[in-house]
Amino acid sequence: MAFEFDPDALRRIRRERGVTQQKLADMVGRDVTTVSQYERGRYGLSVGTLAAIARALNAPMDAFIKAADDRELVSA
């Protein structure tokens, strides 16, 4: 099964924790514009960056990923 980053989860969890985009950017060593782009789904994340965000927001990494539609073609 394939997985992909869920930008909506990042935004939701960040807000639930009461963390601004600027504060998260400072915590993970990124620019606030970059964090904004992560939340809009315009920038991809490396595993290292995702791990840093998860640590900063005290959330498991899998909270930020969603299962992709994984339809397999089956040949007869």
PDB file of N, CA and C in Angstrom:
ATOM      1  N   MET A   1       0.846  -1.182   0.000  1.00  0.00           N
ATOM      2  CA  MET A   1       0.000   0.000   0.000  1.00  0.00           C
ATOM      3  C   MET A   1       0.891   1.244   0.000  1.00  0.00           C
ATOM      4  N   ALA A   2       0.522   2.219  -0.787  1.00  0.00           N
ATOM      5  CA  ALA A   2       1.280   3.467  -0.883  1.00  0.00           C
ATOM      6  C   ALA A   2       0.734   4.479   0.120  1.00  0.00           C
ATOM      7  N   PHE A   3       1.608   5.362   0.547  1.00  0.00           N
ATOM      8  CA  PHE A   3       1.212   6.401   1.485  1.00  0.00           C
ATOM      9  C   PHE A   3       1.616   7.764   0.947  1.00  0.00           C
ATOM     10  N   GLU A   4       0.881   8.790   1.369  1.00  0.00           N
ATOM     11  CA  GLU A   4       1.250  10.145   0.972  1.00  0.00           C
ATOM     12  C   GLU A   4       0.995  11.109   2.132  1.00  0.00           C
ATOM     13  N   PHE A   5       1.712  12.197   2.121  1.00  0.00           N
ATOM     14  CA  PHE A   5       1.598  13.246   3.133  1.00  0.00           C
ATOM     15  C   PHE A   5       0.212  13.879   3.073  1.00  0.00           C
ATOM     16  N   ASP A   6      -0.363  14.154   4.246  1.00  0.00           N
ATOM     17  CA  ASP A   6      -1.689  14.763   4.345  1.00  0.00           C
ATOM     18  C   ASP A   6      -1.547  16.196   4.872  1.00  0.00           C
ATOM     19  N   PRO A   7      -1.549  17.191   3.981  1.00  0.00           N
ATOM     20  CA  PRO A   7      -1.372  18.574   4.421  1.00  0.00           C
ATOM     21  C   PRO A   7      -2.482  19.060   5.344  1.00  0.00           C
ATOM     22  N   ASP A   8      -3.699  18.547   5.164  1.00  0.00           N
ATOM     23  CA  ASP A   8      -4.803  18.946   6.040  1.00  0.00           C
ATOM     24  C   ASP A   8      -4.563  18.486   7.476  1.00  0.00           C
ATOM     25  N   ALA A   9      -3.971  17.318   7.624  1.00  0.00           N
ATOM     26  CA  ALA A   9      -3.650  16.817   8.957  1.00  0.00           C
ATOM     27  C   ALA A   9      -2.606  17.711   9.626  1.00  0.00           C
ATOM     28  N   LEU A  10      -1.616  18.151   8.862  1.00  0.00           N
ATOM     29  CA  LEU A  10      -0.608  19.051   9.424  1.00  0.00           C
ATOM     30  C   LEU A  10      -1.262  20.323   9.952  1.00  0.00           C
ATOM     31  N   ARG A  11      -2.103  20.934   9.147  1.00  0.00           N
ATOM     32  CA  ARG A  11      -2.777  22.172   9.556  1.00  0.00           C
ATOM     33  C   ARG A  11      -3.637  21.940  10.802  1.00  0.00           C
ATOM     34  N   ARG A  12      -4.416  20.852  10.775  1.00  0.00           N
ATOM     35  CA  ARG A  12      -5.316  20.554  11.896  1.00  0.00           C
ATOM     36  C   ARG A  12      -4.541  20.308  13.191  1.00  0.00           C
ATOM     37  N   ILE A  13      -3.518  19.472  13.132  1.00  0.00           N
ATOM     38  CA  ILE A  13      -2.746  19.139  14.333  1.00  0.00           C
ATOM     39  C   ILE A  13      -2.002  20.367  14.842  1.00  0.00           C
ATOM     40  N   ARG A  14      -1.434  21.152  13.949  1.00  0.00           N
ATOM     41  CA  ARG A  14      -0.721  22.363  14.368  1.00  0.00           C
ATOM     42  C   ARG A  14      -1.670  23.289  15.117  1.00  0.00           C
ATOM     43  N   ARG A  15      -2.865  23.485  14.570  1.00  0.00           N
ATOM     44  CA  ARG A  15      -3.842  24.363  15.213  1.00  0.00           C
ATOM     45  C   ARG A  15      -4.331  23.791  16.539  1.00  0.00           C
ATOM     46  N   GLU A  16      -4.553  22.476  16.593  1.00  0.00           N
ATOM     47  CA  GLU A  16      -4.967  21.838  17.844  1.00  0.00           C
ATOM     48  C   GLU A  16      -3.939  22.056  18.947  1.00  0.00           C
ATOM     49  N   ARG A  17      -2.676  22.093  18.553  1.00  0.00           N
ATOM     50  CA  ARG A  17      -1.598  22.281  19.536  1.00  0.00           C
ATOM     51  C   ARG A  17      -1.381  23.759  19.877  1.00  0.00           C
ATOM     52  N   GLY A  18      -2.086  24.643  19.173  1.00  0.00           N
ATOM     53  CA  GLY A  18      -1.939  26.076  19.429  1.00  0.00           C
ATOM     54  C   GLY A  18      -0.615  26.637  18.955  1.00  0.00           C
ATOM     55  N   VAL A  19      -0.064  26.039  17.907  1.00  0.00           N
ATOM     56  CA  VAL A  19       1.236  26.442  17.371  1.00  0.00           C
ATOM     57  C   VAL A  19       1.001  27.224  16.077  1.00  0.00           C
ATOM     58  N   THR A  20       1.614  28.388  15.968  1.00  0.00           N
ATOM     59  CA  THR A  20       1.508  29.169  14.730  1.00  0.00           C
ATOM     60  C   THR A  20       2.445  28.583  13.680  1.00  0.00           C
ATOM     61  N   GLN A  21       2.201  28.961  12.440  1.00  0.00           N
ATOM     62  CA  GLN A  21       3.113  28.532  11.376  1.00  0.00           C
ATOM     63  C   GLN A  21       4.518  29.044  11.652  1.00  0.00           C
ATOM     64  N   GLN A  22       4.634  30.274  12.134  1.00  0.00           N
ATOM     65  CA  GLN A  22       5.956  30.836  12.421  1.00  0.00           C
ATOM     66  C   GLN A  22       6.666  30.037  13.509  1.00  0.00           C
ATOM     67  N   LYS A  23       5.944  29.684  14.571  1.00  0.00           N
ATOM     68  CA  LYS A  23       6.544  28.912  15.663  1.00  0.00           C
ATOM     69  C   LYS A  23       6.988  27.538  15.169  1.00  0.00           C
ATOM     70  N   LEU A  24       6.149  26.883  14.368  1.00  0.00           N
ATOM     71  CA  LEU A  24       6.531  25.577  13.832  1.00  0.00           C
ATOM     72  C   LEU A  24       7.753  25.708  12.932  1.00  0.00           C
ATOM     73  N   ALA A  25       7.768  26.740  12.110  1.00  0.00           N
ATOM     74  CA  ALA A  25       8.924  26.974  11.237  1.00  0.00           C
ATOM     75  C   ALA A  25      10.200  27.115  12.068  1.00  0.00           C
ATOM     76  N   ASP A  26      10.121  27.881  13.149  1.00  0.00           N
ATOM     77  CA  ASP A  26      11.281  28.057  14.023  1.00  0.00           C
ATOM     78  C   ASP A  26      11.696  26.734  14.665  1.00  0.00           C
ATOM     79  N   MET A  27      10.716  25.932  15.050  1.00  0.00           N
ATOM     80  CA  MET A  27      11.000  24.662  15.731  1.00  0.00           C
ATOM     81  C   MET A  27      11.683  23.651  14.822  1.00  0.00           C
ATOM     82  N   VAL A  28      11.378  23.703  13.526  1.00  0.00           N
ATOM     83  CA  VAL A  28      11.938  22.706  12.606  1.00  0.00           C
ATOM     84  C   VAL A  28      12.997  23.278  11.670  1.00  0.00           C
ATOM     85  N   GLY A  29      13.348  24.542  11.867  1.00  0.00           N
ATOM     86  CA  GLY A  29      14.420  25.134  11.073  1.00  0.00           C
ATOM     87  C   GLY A  29      14.047  25.398   9.631  1.00  0.00           C
ATOM     88  N   ARG A  30      12.799  25.781   9.409  1.00  0.00           N
ATOM     89  CA  ARG A  30      12.332  26.102   8.070  1.00  0.00           C
ATOM     90  C   ARG A  30      11.782  27.523   8.063  1.00  0.00           C
ATOM     91  N   ASP A  31      11.573  28.056   6.881  1.00  0.00           N
ATOM     92  CA  ASP A  31      10.972  29.371   6.705  1.00  0.00           C
ATOM     93  C   ASP A  31       9.460  29.235   6.859  1.00  0.00           C
ATOM     94  N   VAL A  32       8.797  30.255   7.377  1.00  0.00           N
ATOM     95  CA  VAL A  32       7.344  30.215   7.547  1.00  0.00           C
ATOM     96  C   VAL A  32       6.635  30.007   6.208  1.00  0.00           C
ATOM     97  N   THR A  33       7.188  30.543   5.141  1.00  0.00           N
ATOM     98  CA  THR A  33       6.592  30.342   3.819  1.00  0.00           C
ATOM     99  C   THR A  33       6.625  28.867   3.435  1.00  0.00           C
ATOM    100  N   THR A  34       7.683  28.192   3.786  1.00  0.00           N
ATOM    101  CA  THR A  34       7.798  26.762   3.494  1.00  0.00           C
ATOM    102  C   THR A  34       6.751  25.973   4.260  1.00  0.00           C
ATOM    103  N   VAL A  35       6.569  26.300   5.535  1.00  0.00           N
ATOM    104  CA  VAL A  35       5.543  25.622   6.335  1.00  0.00           C
ATOM    105  C   VAL A  35       4.165  25.860   5.725  1.00  0.00           C
ATOM    106  N   SER A  36       3.903  27.073   5.297  1.00  0.00           N
ATOM    107  CA  SER A  36       2.632  27.388   4.644  1.00  0.00           C
ATOM    108  C   SER A  36       2.445  26.531   3.386  1.00  0.00           C
ATOM    109  N   GLN A  37       3.507  26.373   2.618  1.00  0.00           N
ATOM    110  CA  GLN A  37       3.424  25.564   1.407  1.00  0.00           C
ATOM    111  C   GLN A  37       3.212  24.085   1.732  1.00  0.00           C
ATOM    112  N   TYR A  38       3.804  23.596   2.834  1.00  0.00           N
ATOM    113  CA  TYR A  38       3.536  22.223   3.267  1.00  0.00           C
ATOM    114  C   TYR A  38       2.046  22.054   3.524  1.00  0.00           C
ATOM    115  N   GLU A  39       1.447  23.016   4.223  1.00  0.00           N
ATOM    116  CA  GLU A  39       0.038  22.926   4.584  1.00  0.00           C
ATOM    117  C   GLU A  39      -0.883  23.058   3.375  1.00  0.00           C
ATOM    118  N   ARG A  40      -0.406  23.642   2.323  1.00  0.00           N
ATOM    119  CA  ARG A  40      -1.194  23.758   1.091  1.00  0.00           C
ATOM    120  C   ARG A  40      -0.955  22.579   0.155  1.00  0.00           C
ATOM    121  N   GLY A  41      -0.036  21.711   0.539  1.00  0.00           N
ATOM    122  CA  GLY A  41       0.264  20.546  -0.278  1.00  0.00           C
ATOM    123  C   GLY A  41       1.090  20.859  -1.505  1.00  0.00           C
ATOM    124  N   ARG A  42       1.750  22.005  -1.487  1.00  0.00           N
ATOM    125  CA  ARG A  42       2.533  22.423  -2.654  1.00  0.00           C
ATOM    126  C   ARG A  42       3.981  21.982  -2.595  1.00  0.00           C
ATOM    127  N   TYR A  43       4.476  21.697  -1.400  1.00  0.00           N
ATOM    128  CA  TYR A  43       5.848  21.211  -1.233  1.00  0.00           C
ATOM    129  C   TYR A  43       5.774  19.811  -0.652  1.00  0.00           C
ATOM    130  N   GLY A  44       6.616  18.940  -1.155  1.00  0.00           N
ATOM    131  CA  GLY A  44       6.743  17.619  -0.564  1.00  0.00           C
ATOM    132  C   GLY A  44       7.657  17.678   0.647  1.00  0.00           C
ATOM    133  N   LEU A  45       7.582  16.676   1.464  1.00  0.00           N
ATOM    134  CA  LEU A  45       8.415  16.616   2.663  1.00  0.00           C
ATOM    135  C   LEU A  45       9.325  15.405   2.608  1.00  0.00           C
ATOM    136  N   SER A  46      10.534  15.578   3.088  1.00  0.00           N
ATOM    137  CA  SER A  46      11.408  14.423   3.263  1.00  0.00           C
ATOM    138  C   SER A  46      10.976  13.715   4.550  1.00  0.00           C
ATOM    139  N   VAL A  47      11.413  12.488   4.700  1.00  0.00           N
ATOM    140  CA  VAL A  47      11.102  11.744   5.919  1.00  0.00           C
ATOM    141  C   VAL A  47      11.692  12.469   7.124  1.00  0.00           C
ATOM    142  N   GLY A  48      12.877  13.039   6.968  1.00  0.00           N
ATOM    143  CA  GLY A  48      13.509  13.764   8.073  1.00  0.00           C
ATOM    144  C   GLY A  48      12.716  14.982   8.500  1.00  0.00           C
ATOM    145  N   THR A  49      12.208  15.727   7.525  1.00  0.00           N
ATOM    146  CA  THR A  49      11.395  16.902   7.842  1.00  0.00           C
ATOM    147  C   THR A  49      10.090  16.486   8.494  1.00  0.00           C
ATOM    148  N   LEU A  50       9.470  15.437   7.973  1.00  0.00           N
ATOM    149  CA  LEU A  50       8.233  14.947   8.574  1.00  0.00           C
ATOM    150  C   LEU A  50       8.468  14.504  10.013  1.00  0.00           C
ATOM    151  N   ALA A  51       9.591  13.843  10.262  1.00  0.00           N
ATOM    152  CA  ALA A  51       9.924  13.412  11.621  1.00  0.00           C
ATOM    153  C   ALA A  51      10.121  14.616  12.533  1.00  0.00           C
ATOM    154  N   ALA A  52      10.778  15.657  12.035  1.00  0.00           N
ATOM    155  CA  ALA A  52      10.995  16.866  12.837  1.00  0.00           C
ATOM    156  C   ALA A  52       9.670  17.548  13.174  1.00  0.00           C
ATOM    157  N   ILE A  53       8.773  17.602  12.201  1.00  0.00           N
ATOM    158  CA  ILE A  53       7.453  18.210  12.436  1.00  0.00           C
ATOM    159  C   ILE A  53       6.678  17.385  13.454  1.00  0.00           C
ATOM    160  N   ALA A  54       6.707  16.079  13.305  1.00  0.00           N
ATOM    161  CA  ALA A  54       6.005  15.206  14.251  1.00  0.00           C
ATOM    162  C   ALA A  54       6.538  15.401  15.673  1.00  0.00           C
ATOM    163  N   ARG A  55       7.859  15.471  15.817  1.00  0.00           N
ATOM    164  CA  ARG A  55       8.449  15.708  17.146  1.00  0.00           C
ATOM    165  C   ARG A  55       8.038  17.068  17.689  1.00  0.00           C
ATOM    166  N   ALA A  56       8.093  18.082  16.847  1.00  0.00           N
ATOM    167  CA  ALA A  56       7.766  19.442  17.287  1.00  0.00           C
ATOM    168  C   ALA A  56       6.318  19.548  17.750  1.00  0.00           C
ATOM    169  N   LEU A  57       5.434  18.812  17.092  1.00  0.00           N
ATOM    170  CA  LEU A  57       4.013  18.870  17.442  1.00  0.00           C
ATOM    171  C   LEU A  57       3.590  17.737  18.376  1.00  0.00           C
ATOM    172  N   ASN A  58       4.564  16.948  18.805  1.00  0.00           N
ATOM    173  CA  ASN A  58       4.314  15.832  19.729  1.00  0.00           C
ATOM    174  C   ASN A  58       3.192  14.933  19.194  1.00  0.00           C
ATOM    175  N   ALA A  59       3.369  14.491  17.960  1.00  0.00           N
ATOM    176  CA  ALA A  59       2.391  13.632  17.300  1.00  0.00           C
ATOM    177  C   ALA A  59       3.130  12.517  16.572  1.00  0.00           C
ATOM    178  N   PRO A  60       2.503  11.368  16.415  1.00  0.00           N
ATOM    179  CA  PRO A  60       3.157  10.289  15.657  1.00  0.00           C
ATOM    180  C   PRO A  60       3.236  10.644  14.178  1.00  0.00           C
ATOM    181  N   MET A  61       4.274  10.169  13.519  1.00  0.00           N
ATOM    182  CA  MET A  61       4.450  10.466  12.099  1.00  0.00           C
ATOM    183  C   MET A  61       3.267  10.003  11.268  1.00  0.00           C
ATOM    184  N   ASP A  62       2.685   8.889  11.634  1.00  0.00           N
ATOM    185  CA  ASP A  62       1.584   8.381  10.814  1.00  0.00           C
ATOM    186  C   ASP A  62       0.326   9.244  10.894  1.00  0.00           C
ATOM    187  N   ALA A  63       0.291  10.197  11.813  1.00  0.00           N
ATOM    188  CA  ALA A  63      -0.831  11.134  11.871  1.00  0.00           C
ATOM    189  C   ALA A  63      -0.820  12.080  10.669  1.00  0.00           C
ATOM    190  N   PHE A  64       0.320  12.168   9.985  1.00  0.00           N
ATOM    191  CA  PHE A  64       0.489  13.099   8.874  1.00  0.00           C
ATOM    192  C   PHE A  64       0.485  12.416   7.502  1.00  0.00           C
ATOM    193  N   ILE A  65       0.177  11.138   7.476  1.00  0.00           N
ATOM    194  CA  ILE A  65       0.133  10.438   6.196  1.00  0.00           C
ATOM    195  C   ILE A  65      -1.236   9.817   6.000  1.00  0.00           C
ATOM    196  N   LYS A  66      -1.615   9.672   4.752  1.00  0.00           N
ATOM    197  CA  LYS A  66      -2.898   9.037   4.439  1.00  0.00           C
ATOM    198  C   LYS A  66      -2.648   7.936   3.434  1.00  0.00           C
ATOM    199  N   ALA A  67      -3.488   6.962   3.483  1.00  0.00           N
ATOM    200  CA  ALA A  67      -3.378   5.867   2.526  1.00  0.00           C
ATOM    201  C   ALA A  67      -3.836   6.381   1.178  1.00  0.00           C
ATOM    202  N   ALA A  68      -3.018   6.171   0.182  1.00  0.00           N
ATOM    203  CA  ALA A  68      -3.384   6.577  -1.180  1.00  0.00           C
ATOM    204  C   ALA A  68      -4.366   5.555  -1.727  1.00  0.00           C
ATOM    205  N   ASP A  69      -5.130   5.972  -2.712  1.00  0.00           N
ATOM    206  CA  ASP A  69      -6.037   5.054  -3.381  1.00  0.00           C
ATOM    207  C   ASP A  69      -5.164   4.041  -4.116  1.00  0.00           C
ATOM    208  N   ASP A  70      -5.161   2.849  -3.650  1.00  0.00           N
ATOM    209  CA  ASP A  70      -4.230   1.844  -4.145  1.00  0.00           C
ATOM    210  C   ASP A  70      -4.988   0.739  -4.878  1.00  0.00           C
ATOM    211  N   ARG A  71      -5.552   1.077  -5.995  1.00  0.00           N
ATOM    212  CA  ARG A  71      -6.281   0.091  -6.787  1.00  0.00           C
ATOM    213  C   ARG A  71      -5.297  -0.656  -7.680  1.00  0.00           C
ATOM    214  N   GLU A  72      -5.286  -1.945  -7.506  1.00  0.00           N
ATOM    215  CA  GLU A  72      -4.397  -2.763  -8.321  1.00  0.00           C
ATOM    216  C   GLU A  72      -5.195  -3.410  -9.433  1.00  0.00           C
ATOM    217  N   LEU A  73      -4.602  -3.482 -10.586  1.00  0.00           N
ATOM    218  CA  LEU A  73      -5.219  -4.190 -11.691  1.00  0.00           C
ATOM    219  C   LEU A  73      -4.917  -5.675 -11.540  1.00  0.00           C
ATOM    220  N   VAL A  74      -5.932  -6.468 -11.627  1.00  0.00           N
ATOM    221  CA  VAL A  74      -5.761  -7.902 -11.508  1.00  0.00           C
ATOM    222  C   VAL A  74      -6.018  -8.503 -12.883  1.00  0.00           C
ATOM    223  N   SER A  75      -5.041  -9.234 -13.374  1.00  0.00           N
ATOM    224  CA  SER A  75      -5.221  -9.868 -14.691  1.00  0.00           C
ATOM    225  C   SER A  75      -5.780 -11.272 -14.503  1.00  0.00           C
ATOM    226  N   ALA A  76      -6.631 -11.651 -15.401  1.00  0.00           N
ATOM    227  CA  ALA A  76      -7.266 -12.977 -15.314  1.00  0.00           C
ATOM    228  C   ALA A  76      -6.413 -14.020 -15.980  1.00  0.00           C
TER     229      ALA A  76
END
